[in-house]
Amino acid sequence: MRGRGVVLKANSILNASELDGGVATLTDASHAVGHRGGYLECAQHVKEALGQEFDVSQCSVTDQADAELARTEKAYDHLSLPVMDLVAKALENDDWCQRLKPILDPPVTVELFDEEPAGNGDGNGDNDDDDDGGGYE
């Protein structure tokens, strides 16, 4: 498997931006439900300890959190990754490995910097060593 780069291809799929967004949304929704559940549980303990009703309307998470989590789970379960359609089409061919390379291999990137290198080349960035009056004469 490693010789064919299957690990790289799997990582490319798992790192798809659609999947990242779906997981982030699902995580946020589940945290909200957990926060609300913990708040309500704590309110119940306070009620039992003090013998009086505790106002739960102050919870920052609405009672719609469960419905939002259900919607988010449904969206995640039906998430469509465009790259998977391309992968499925490539796998139908005998030369599937060659067809997958341009789809899944990350492009070679080159970092470009707008800054000039530091130092005294004397492009006059000025670390002196010239006689332009910038020193203490």
N, C-alpha and C. Protein backbone atom coordinates (compact mmCIF):
# COMPACT_ATOMS: atom_id res chain seq x y z
N MET A 1 0.81 -1.19 0.00
CA MET A 1 0.00 0.00 0.00
C MET A 1 0.85 1.26 0.00
N ARG A 2 1.89 1.26 0.81
CA ARG A 2 2.73 2.45 0.89
C ARG A 2 3.43 2.72 -0.43
N GLY A 3 3.78 1.65 -1.14
CA GLY A 3 4.46 1.82 -2.43
C GLY A 3 3.59 2.52 -3.45
N ARG A 4 2.30 2.39 -3.33
CA ARG A 4 1.37 3.04 -4.27
C ARG A 4 0.90 4.40 -3.76
N GLY A 5 1.34 4.81 -2.58
CA GLY A 5 0.96 6.12 -2.05
C GLY A 5 -0.47 6.18 -1.54
N VAL A 6 -1.01 5.04 -1.15
CA VAL A 6 -2.39 5.00 -0.68
C VAL A 6 -2.56 5.86 0.58
N VAL A 7 -1.53 5.88 1.43
CA VAL A 7 -1.60 6.68 2.65
C VAL A 7 -1.73 8.16 2.30
N LEU A 8 -0.94 8.61 1.33
CA LEU A 8 -1.03 10.01 0.91
C LEU A 8 -2.40 10.33 0.34
N LYS A 9 -2.93 9.41 -0.43
CA LYS A 9 -4.25 9.62 -1.03
C LYS A 9 -5.34 9.68 0.05
N ALA A 10 -5.25 8.79 1.02
CA ALA A 10 -6.22 8.80 2.12
C ALA A 10 -6.13 10.10 2.90
N ASN A 11 -4.92 10.58 3.16
CA ASN A 11 -4.75 11.85 3.86
C ASN A 11 -5.33 13.00 3.06
N SER A 12 -5.18 12.97 1.75
CA SER A 12 -5.75 14.03 0.92
C SER A 12 -7.26 14.07 1.05
N ILE A 13 -7.88 12.90 1.10
CA ILE A 13 -9.33 12.84 1.25
C ILE A 13 -9.73 13.31 2.64
N LEU A 14 -9.03 12.83 3.65
CA LEU A 14 -9.37 13.20 5.02
C LEU A 14 -9.14 14.68 5.32
N ASN A 15 -8.27 15.32 4.55
CA ASN A 15 -7.99 16.73 4.75
C ASN A 15 -8.81 17.64 3.83
N ALA A 16 -9.83 17.10 3.19
CA ALA A 16 -10.67 17.91 2.32
C ALA A 16 -11.34 19.01 3.14
N SER A 17 -11.40 20.21 2.59
CA SER A 17 -11.95 21.35 3.33
C SER A 17 -13.42 21.14 3.69
N GLU A 18 -14.17 20.44 2.84
CA GLU A 18 -15.57 20.16 3.16
C GLU A 18 -15.68 19.30 4.42
N LEU A 19 -14.79 18.33 4.53
CA LEU A 19 -14.79 17.45 5.69
C LEU A 19 -14.36 18.22 6.94
N ASP A 20 -13.34 19.06 6.81
CA ASP A 20 -12.89 19.88 7.94
C ASP A 20 -14.02 20.76 8.46
N GLY A 21 -14.73 21.40 7.54
CA GLY A 21 -15.83 22.27 7.93
C GLY A 21 -16.95 21.50 8.60
N GLY A 22 -17.26 20.34 8.06
CA GLY A 22 -18.31 19.50 8.64
C GLY A 22 -17.97 19.03 10.04
N VAL A 23 -16.73 18.62 10.23
CA VAL A 23 -16.29 18.16 11.55
C VAL A 23 -16.30 19.33 12.55
N ALA A 24 -15.85 20.49 12.12
CA ALA A 24 -15.83 21.66 13.02
C ALA A 24 -17.24 22.05 13.44
N THR A 25 -18.17 22.05 12.50
CA THR A 25 -19.56 22.39 12.82
C THR A 25 -20.17 21.36 13.76
N LEU A 26 -19.91 20.10 13.49
CA LEU A 26 -20.42 19.03 14.36
C LEU A 26 -19.83 19.13 15.76
N THR A 27 -18.56 19.43 15.86
CA THR A 27 -17.90 19.58 17.16
C THR A 27 -18.51 20.74 17.94
N ASP A 28 -18.72 21.88 17.27
CA ASP A 28 -19.31 23.04 17.94
C ASP A 28 -20.71 22.72 18.45
N ALA A 29 -21.52 22.07 17.62
CA ALA A 29 -22.89 21.74 18.02
C ALA A 29 -22.91 20.77 19.19
N SER A 30 -22.01 19.77 19.16
CA SER A 30 -22.00 18.80 20.26
C SER A 30 -21.48 19.44 21.55
N HIS A 31 -20.55 20.38 21.44
CA HIS A 31 -20.08 21.10 22.63
C HIS A 31 -21.22 21.91 23.25
N ALA A 32 -22.03 22.54 22.40
CA ALA A 32 -23.15 23.34 22.90
C ALA A 32 -24.14 22.45 23.66
N VAL A 33 -24.45 21.29 23.11
CA VAL A 33 -25.38 20.37 23.77
C VAL A 33 -24.78 19.90 25.10
N GLY A 34 -23.51 19.59 25.09
CA GLY A 34 -22.84 19.16 26.33
C GLY A 34 -22.82 20.26 27.37
N HIS A 35 -22.58 21.50 26.93
CA HIS A 35 -22.57 22.63 27.85
C HIS A 35 -23.94 22.81 28.49
N ARG A 36 -24.97 22.77 27.65
CA ARG A 36 -26.34 22.93 28.17
C ARG A 36 -26.68 21.79 29.13
N GLY A 37 -26.33 20.56 28.76
CA GLY A 37 -26.61 19.42 29.63
C GLY A 37 -25.91 19.56 30.97
N GLY A 38 -24.67 19.99 30.96
CA GLY A 38 -23.93 20.19 32.21
C GLY A 38 -24.52 21.30 33.06
N TYR A 39 -24.96 22.36 32.39
CA TYR A 39 -25.58 23.48 33.10
C TYR A 39 -26.87 23.04 33.78
N LEU A 40 -27.70 22.29 33.04
CA LEU A 40 -28.96 21.82 33.60
C LEU A 40 -28.74 20.83 34.74
N GLU A 41 -27.73 19.98 34.59
CA GLU A 41 -27.42 19.03 35.65
C GLU A 41 -26.95 19.77 36.91
N CYS A 42 -26.14 20.76 36.72
CA CYS A 42 -25.66 21.56 37.85
C CYS A 42 -26.84 22.26 38.53
N ALA A 43 -27.75 22.80 37.72
CA ALA A 43 -28.93 23.47 38.28
C ALA A 43 -29.76 22.49 39.11
N GLN A 44 -29.85 21.25 38.65
CA GLN A 44 -30.59 20.23 39.40
C GLN A 44 -29.92 19.96 40.75
N HIS A 45 -28.59 19.90 40.76
CA HIS A 45 -27.87 19.68 42.03
C HIS A 45 -28.08 20.85 42.98
N VAL A 46 -28.08 22.08 42.44
CA VAL A 46 -28.31 23.26 43.27
C VAL A 46 -29.71 23.20 43.86
N LYS A 47 -30.69 22.82 43.03
CA LYS A 47 -32.07 22.71 43.50
C LYS A 47 -32.18 21.70 44.64
N GLU A 48 -31.52 20.55 44.49
CA GLU A 48 -31.56 19.52 45.53
C GLU A 48 -30.84 19.99 46.79
N ALA A 49 -29.73 20.69 46.63
CA ALA A 49 -28.95 21.11 47.79
C ALA A 49 -29.62 22.25 48.55
N LEU A 50 -30.21 23.20 47.83
CA LEU A 50 -30.79 24.37 48.48
C LEU A 50 -32.30 24.24 48.70
N GLY A 51 -32.89 23.26 48.05
CA GLY A 51 -34.32 23.06 48.21
C GLY A 51 -35.17 24.11 47.53
N GLN A 52 -34.62 24.78 46.55
CA GLN A 52 -35.40 25.78 45.82
C GLN A 52 -35.08 25.71 44.33
N GLU A 53 -35.99 26.24 43.54
CA GLU A 53 -35.85 26.21 42.08
C GLU A 53 -34.70 27.12 41.66
N PHE A 54 -33.96 26.70 40.68
CA PHE A 54 -32.84 27.49 40.15
C PHE A 54 -33.22 27.95 38.75
N ASP A 55 -33.01 29.22 38.46
CA ASP A 55 -33.38 29.80 37.17
C ASP A 55 -32.39 29.35 36.09
N VAL A 56 -32.86 28.52 35.18
CA VAL A 56 -32.00 28.00 34.12
C VAL A 56 -32.09 28.85 32.85
N SER A 57 -32.86 29.91 32.88
CA SER A 57 -32.98 30.77 31.69
C SER A 57 -31.69 31.53 31.41
N GLN A 58 -30.79 31.54 32.37
CA GLN A 58 -29.52 32.26 32.19
C GLN A 58 -28.48 31.46 31.39
N CYS A 59 -28.80 30.22 31.08
CA CYS A 59 -27.86 29.39 30.32
C CYS A 59 -27.61 30.03 28.96
N SER A 60 -26.35 30.14 28.59
CA SER A 60 -26.01 30.80 27.32
C SER A 60 -26.39 29.98 26.10
N VAL A 61 -26.71 28.71 26.29
CA VAL A 61 -27.09 27.83 25.18
C VAL A 61 -28.59 27.60 25.23
N THR A 62 -29.27 27.86 24.14
CA THR A 62 -30.73 27.74 24.11
C THR A 62 -31.15 26.28 24.10
N ASP A 63 -32.43 26.08 24.31
CA ASP A 63 -32.96 24.72 24.28
C ASP A 63 -33.06 24.19 22.85
N GLN A 64 -32.67 25.01 21.88
CA GLN A 64 -32.65 24.58 20.48
C GLN A 64 -31.36 23.84 20.13
N ALA A 65 -30.46 23.72 21.09
CA ALA A 65 -29.15 23.10 20.82
C ALA A 65 -29.29 21.66 20.35
N ASP A 66 -30.20 20.91 20.94
CA ASP A 66 -30.39 19.51 20.54
C ASP A 66 -30.87 19.41 19.10
N ALA A 67 -31.80 20.30 18.72
CA ALA A 67 -32.30 20.30 17.34
C ALA A 67 -31.19 20.70 16.37
N GLU A 68 -30.36 21.65 16.77
CA GLU A 68 -29.25 22.08 15.92
C GLU A 68 -28.24 20.94 15.75
N LEU A 69 -27.98 20.21 16.83
CA LEU A 69 -27.07 19.06 16.74
C LEU A 69 -27.65 18.01 15.81
N ALA A 70 -28.93 17.74 15.89
CA ALA A 70 -29.56 16.76 15.01
C ALA A 70 -29.44 17.18 13.54
N ARG A 71 -29.66 18.48 13.26
CA ARG A 71 -29.52 18.97 11.89
C ARG A 71 -28.07 18.84 11.41
N THR A 72 -27.14 19.17 12.30
CA THR A 72 -25.72 19.10 11.94
C THR A 72 -25.31 17.65 11.69
N GLU A 73 -25.77 16.72 12.51
CA GLU A 73 -25.45 15.30 12.31
C GLU A 73 -26.01 14.81 10.98
N LYS A 74 -27.22 15.21 10.65
CA LYS A 74 -27.83 14.80 9.39
C LYS A 74 -27.03 15.34 8.21
N ALA A 75 -26.63 16.61 8.29
CA ALA A 75 -25.82 17.21 7.22
C ALA A 75 -24.49 16.48 7.08
N TYR A 76 -23.88 16.14 8.21
CA TYR A 76 -22.60 15.44 8.18
C TYR A 76 -22.76 14.04 7.59
N ASP A 77 -23.83 13.36 7.98
CA ASP A 77 -24.07 12.01 7.46
C ASP A 77 -24.29 12.00 5.95
N HIS A 78 -24.75 13.10 5.41
CA HIS A 78 -25.01 13.20 3.97
C HIS A 78 -24.00 14.10 3.27
N LEU A 79 -22.86 14.30 3.91
CA LEU A 79 -21.82 15.16 3.36
C LEU A 79 -21.29 14.58 2.05
N SER A 80 -21.18 15.43 1.07
CA SER A 80 -20.67 15.01 -0.23
C SER A 80 -19.31 15.64 -0.45
N LEU A 81 -18.33 14.80 -0.71
CA LEU A 81 -16.99 15.30 -1.01
C LEU A 81 -16.75 15.17 -2.51
N PRO A 82 -16.65 16.29 -3.21
CA PRO A 82 -16.45 16.22 -4.66
C PRO A 82 -15.25 15.37 -5.07
N VAL A 83 -14.21 15.35 -4.24
CA VAL A 83 -13.03 14.57 -4.57
C VAL A 83 -13.35 13.08 -4.62
N MET A 84 -14.32 12.64 -3.84
CA MET A 84 -14.66 11.22 -3.83
C MET A 84 -15.29 10.78 -5.15
N ASP A 85 -16.05 11.67 -5.80
CA ASP A 85 -16.60 11.35 -7.11
C ASP A 85 -15.48 11.14 -8.12
N LEU A 86 -14.46 12.00 -8.04
CA LEU A 86 -13.31 11.86 -8.94
C LEU A 86 -12.53 10.57 -8.65
N VAL A 87 -12.39 10.25 -7.37
CA VAL A 87 -11.67 9.03 -6.98
C VAL A 87 -12.42 7.80 -7.48
N ALA A 88 -13.73 7.77 -7.27
CA ALA A 88 -14.53 6.63 -7.71
C ALA A 88 -14.42 6.43 -9.22
N LYS A 89 -14.44 7.53 -9.97
CA LYS A 89 -14.33 7.45 -11.43
C LYS A 89 -12.95 6.93 -11.84
N ALA A 90 -11.90 7.39 -11.14
CA ALA A 90 -10.54 6.95 -11.45
C ALA A 90 -10.36 5.46 -11.15
N LEU A 91 -10.98 4.97 -10.09
CA LEU A 91 -10.83 3.57 -9.69
C LEU A 91 -11.49 2.60 -10.66
N GLU A 92 -12.33 3.10 -11.54
CA GLU A 92 -12.99 2.24 -12.52
C GLU A 92 -12.05 1.84 -13.65
N ASN A 93 -10.88 2.45 -13.73
CA ASN A 93 -9.95 2.22 -14.82
C ASN A 93 -8.78 1.34 -14.38
N ASP A 94 -8.15 0.69 -15.38
CA ASP A 94 -7.00 -0.16 -15.07
C ASP A 94 -5.81 0.65 -14.57
N ASP A 95 -5.64 1.86 -15.07
CA ASP A 95 -4.52 2.71 -14.65
C ASP A 95 -4.95 3.67 -13.54
N TRP A 96 -5.70 3.14 -12.59
CA TRP A 96 -6.28 3.95 -11.52
C TRP A 96 -5.24 4.73 -10.73
N CYS A 97 -4.08 4.13 -10.51
CA CYS A 97 -3.05 4.80 -9.71
C CYS A 97 -2.58 6.08 -10.41
N GLN A 98 -2.33 5.99 -11.70
CA GLN A 98 -1.89 7.16 -12.47
C GLN A 98 -2.98 8.23 -12.51
N ARG A 99 -4.22 7.81 -12.58
CA ARG A 99 -5.33 8.77 -12.62
C ARG A 99 -5.55 9.44 -11.27
N LEU A 100 -5.21 8.74 -10.19
CA LEU A 100 -5.39 9.33 -8.87
C LEU A 100 -4.33 10.38 -8.52
N LYS A 101 -3.14 10.23 -9.09
CA LYS A 101 -2.05 11.15 -8.75
C LYS A 101 -2.40 12.62 -8.95
N PRO A 102 -2.90 13.02 -10.11
CA PRO A 102 -3.19 14.45 -10.26
C PRO A 102 -4.38 14.92 -9.40
N ILE A 103 -5.22 13.98 -9.00
CA ILE A 103 -6.37 14.34 -8.19
C ILE A 103 -5.97 14.56 -6.73
N LEU A 104 -5.15 13.66 -6.21
CA LEU A 104 -4.90 13.64 -4.78
C LEU A 104 -3.53 14.09 -4.32
N ASP A 105 -2.53 14.05 -5.17
CA ASP A 105 -1.21 14.46 -4.72
C ASP A 105 -1.20 15.95 -4.48
N PRO A 106 -0.68 16.36 -3.33
CA PRO A 106 -0.65 17.80 -3.07
C PRO A 106 0.30 18.49 -4.05
N PRO A 107 -0.04 19.69 -4.49
CA PRO A 107 0.82 20.40 -5.42
C PRO A 107 2.11 20.85 -4.72
N VAL A 108 3.14 20.99 -5.50
CA VAL A 108 4.39 21.50 -4.97
C VAL A 108 4.22 22.99 -4.79
N THR A 109 4.53 23.47 -3.60
CA THR A 109 4.37 24.90 -3.35
C THR A 109 5.72 25.54 -3.13
N VAL A 110 5.80 26.77 -3.52
CA VAL A 110 7.01 27.56 -3.35
C VAL A 110 6.62 28.78 -2.55
N GLU A 111 7.36 29.04 -1.48
CA GLU A 111 7.05 30.21 -0.67
C GLU A 111 7.79 31.40 -1.24
N LEU A 112 7.06 32.45 -1.48
CA LEU A 112 7.64 33.70 -1.97
C LEU A 112 7.57 34.74 -0.87
N PHE A 113 8.63 35.49 -0.73
CA PHE A 113 8.67 36.52 0.30
C PHE A 113 8.82 37.87 -0.37
N ASP A 114 8.10 38.85 0.15
CA ASP A 114 8.20 40.21 -0.38
C ASP A 114 9.36 40.95 0.24
N GLU A 115 9.90 40.43 1.32
CA GLU A 115 10.96 41.11 2.04
C GLU A 115 12.31 40.88 1.38
N GLU A 116 13.16 41.88 1.49
CA GLU A 116 14.54 41.72 1.04
C GLU A 116 15.33 41.11 2.18
N PRO A 117 16.37 40.38 1.85
CA PRO A 117 17.17 39.81 2.93
C PRO A 117 17.81 40.89 3.78
N ALA A 118 17.90 40.60 5.08
CA ALA A 118 18.50 41.56 6.00
C ALA A 118 20.00 41.60 5.78
N GLY A 119 20.59 42.69 6.20
CA GLY A 119 22.03 42.79 6.12
C GLY A 119 22.44 44.00 5.33
N ASN A 120 23.69 44.04 4.98
CA ASN A 120 24.19 45.21 4.30
C ASN A 120 24.71 44.81 2.94
N GLY A 121 23.83 44.89 2.00
CA GLY A 121 24.22 44.55 0.66
C GLY A 121 24.56 45.79 -0.13
N ASP A 122 24.63 46.82 0.07
CA ASP A 122 24.08 48.05 0.51
C ASP A 122 23.01 48.50 -0.46
N GLY A 123 21.86 47.97 -0.23
CA GLY A 123 20.67 48.39 -0.93
C GLY A 123 20.05 49.47 -0.08
N ASN A 124 20.65 49.93 0.82
CA ASN A 124 20.51 50.88 1.89
C ASN A 124 19.32 50.63 2.78
N GLY A 125 19.43 49.53 3.43
CA GLY A 125 18.49 49.13 4.45
C GLY A 125 18.91 49.67 5.78
N ASP A 126 19.75 50.14 6.10
CA ASP A 126 21.00 50.70 6.45
C ASP A 126 21.58 50.14 7.71
N ASN A 127 22.54 49.32 7.45
CA ASN A 127 23.37 48.81 8.54
C ASN A 127 24.74 49.44 8.38
N ASP A 128 24.75 50.52 7.86
CA ASP A 128 25.85 51.39 7.45
C ASP A 128 27.01 50.69 6.79
N ASP A 129 28.19 51.09 6.91
CA ASP A 129 29.36 50.69 6.14
C ASP A 129 29.43 51.47 4.84
N ASP A 130 28.76 52.56 4.74
CA ASP A 130 28.92 53.44 3.59
C ASP A 130 29.01 54.85 4.11
N ASP A 131 29.26 55.77 3.23
CA ASP A 131 29.47 57.14 3.66
C ASP A 131 28.31 58.01 3.16
N ASP A 132 27.11 57.70 3.63
CA ASP A 132 25.96 58.46 3.19
C ASP A 132 25.50 59.46 4.24
N GLY A 133 26.30 59.66 5.28
CA GLY A 133 25.95 60.62 6.32
C GLY A 133 25.03 60.02 7.36
N GLY A 134 24.72 58.73 7.24
CA GLY A 134 23.82 58.09 8.19
C GLY A 134 24.51 57.71 9.48
N GLY A 135 25.86 57.74 9.51
CA GLY A 135 26.60 57.37 10.70
C GLY A 135 26.91 58.59 11.53
N TYR A 136 27.70 58.41 12.53
CA TYR A 136 28.12 59.53 13.37
C TYR A 136 29.49 59.97 12.91
N GLU A 137 29.50 61.06 12.13
CA GLU A 137 30.78 61.53 11.62
C GLU A 137 31.35 62.60 12.49
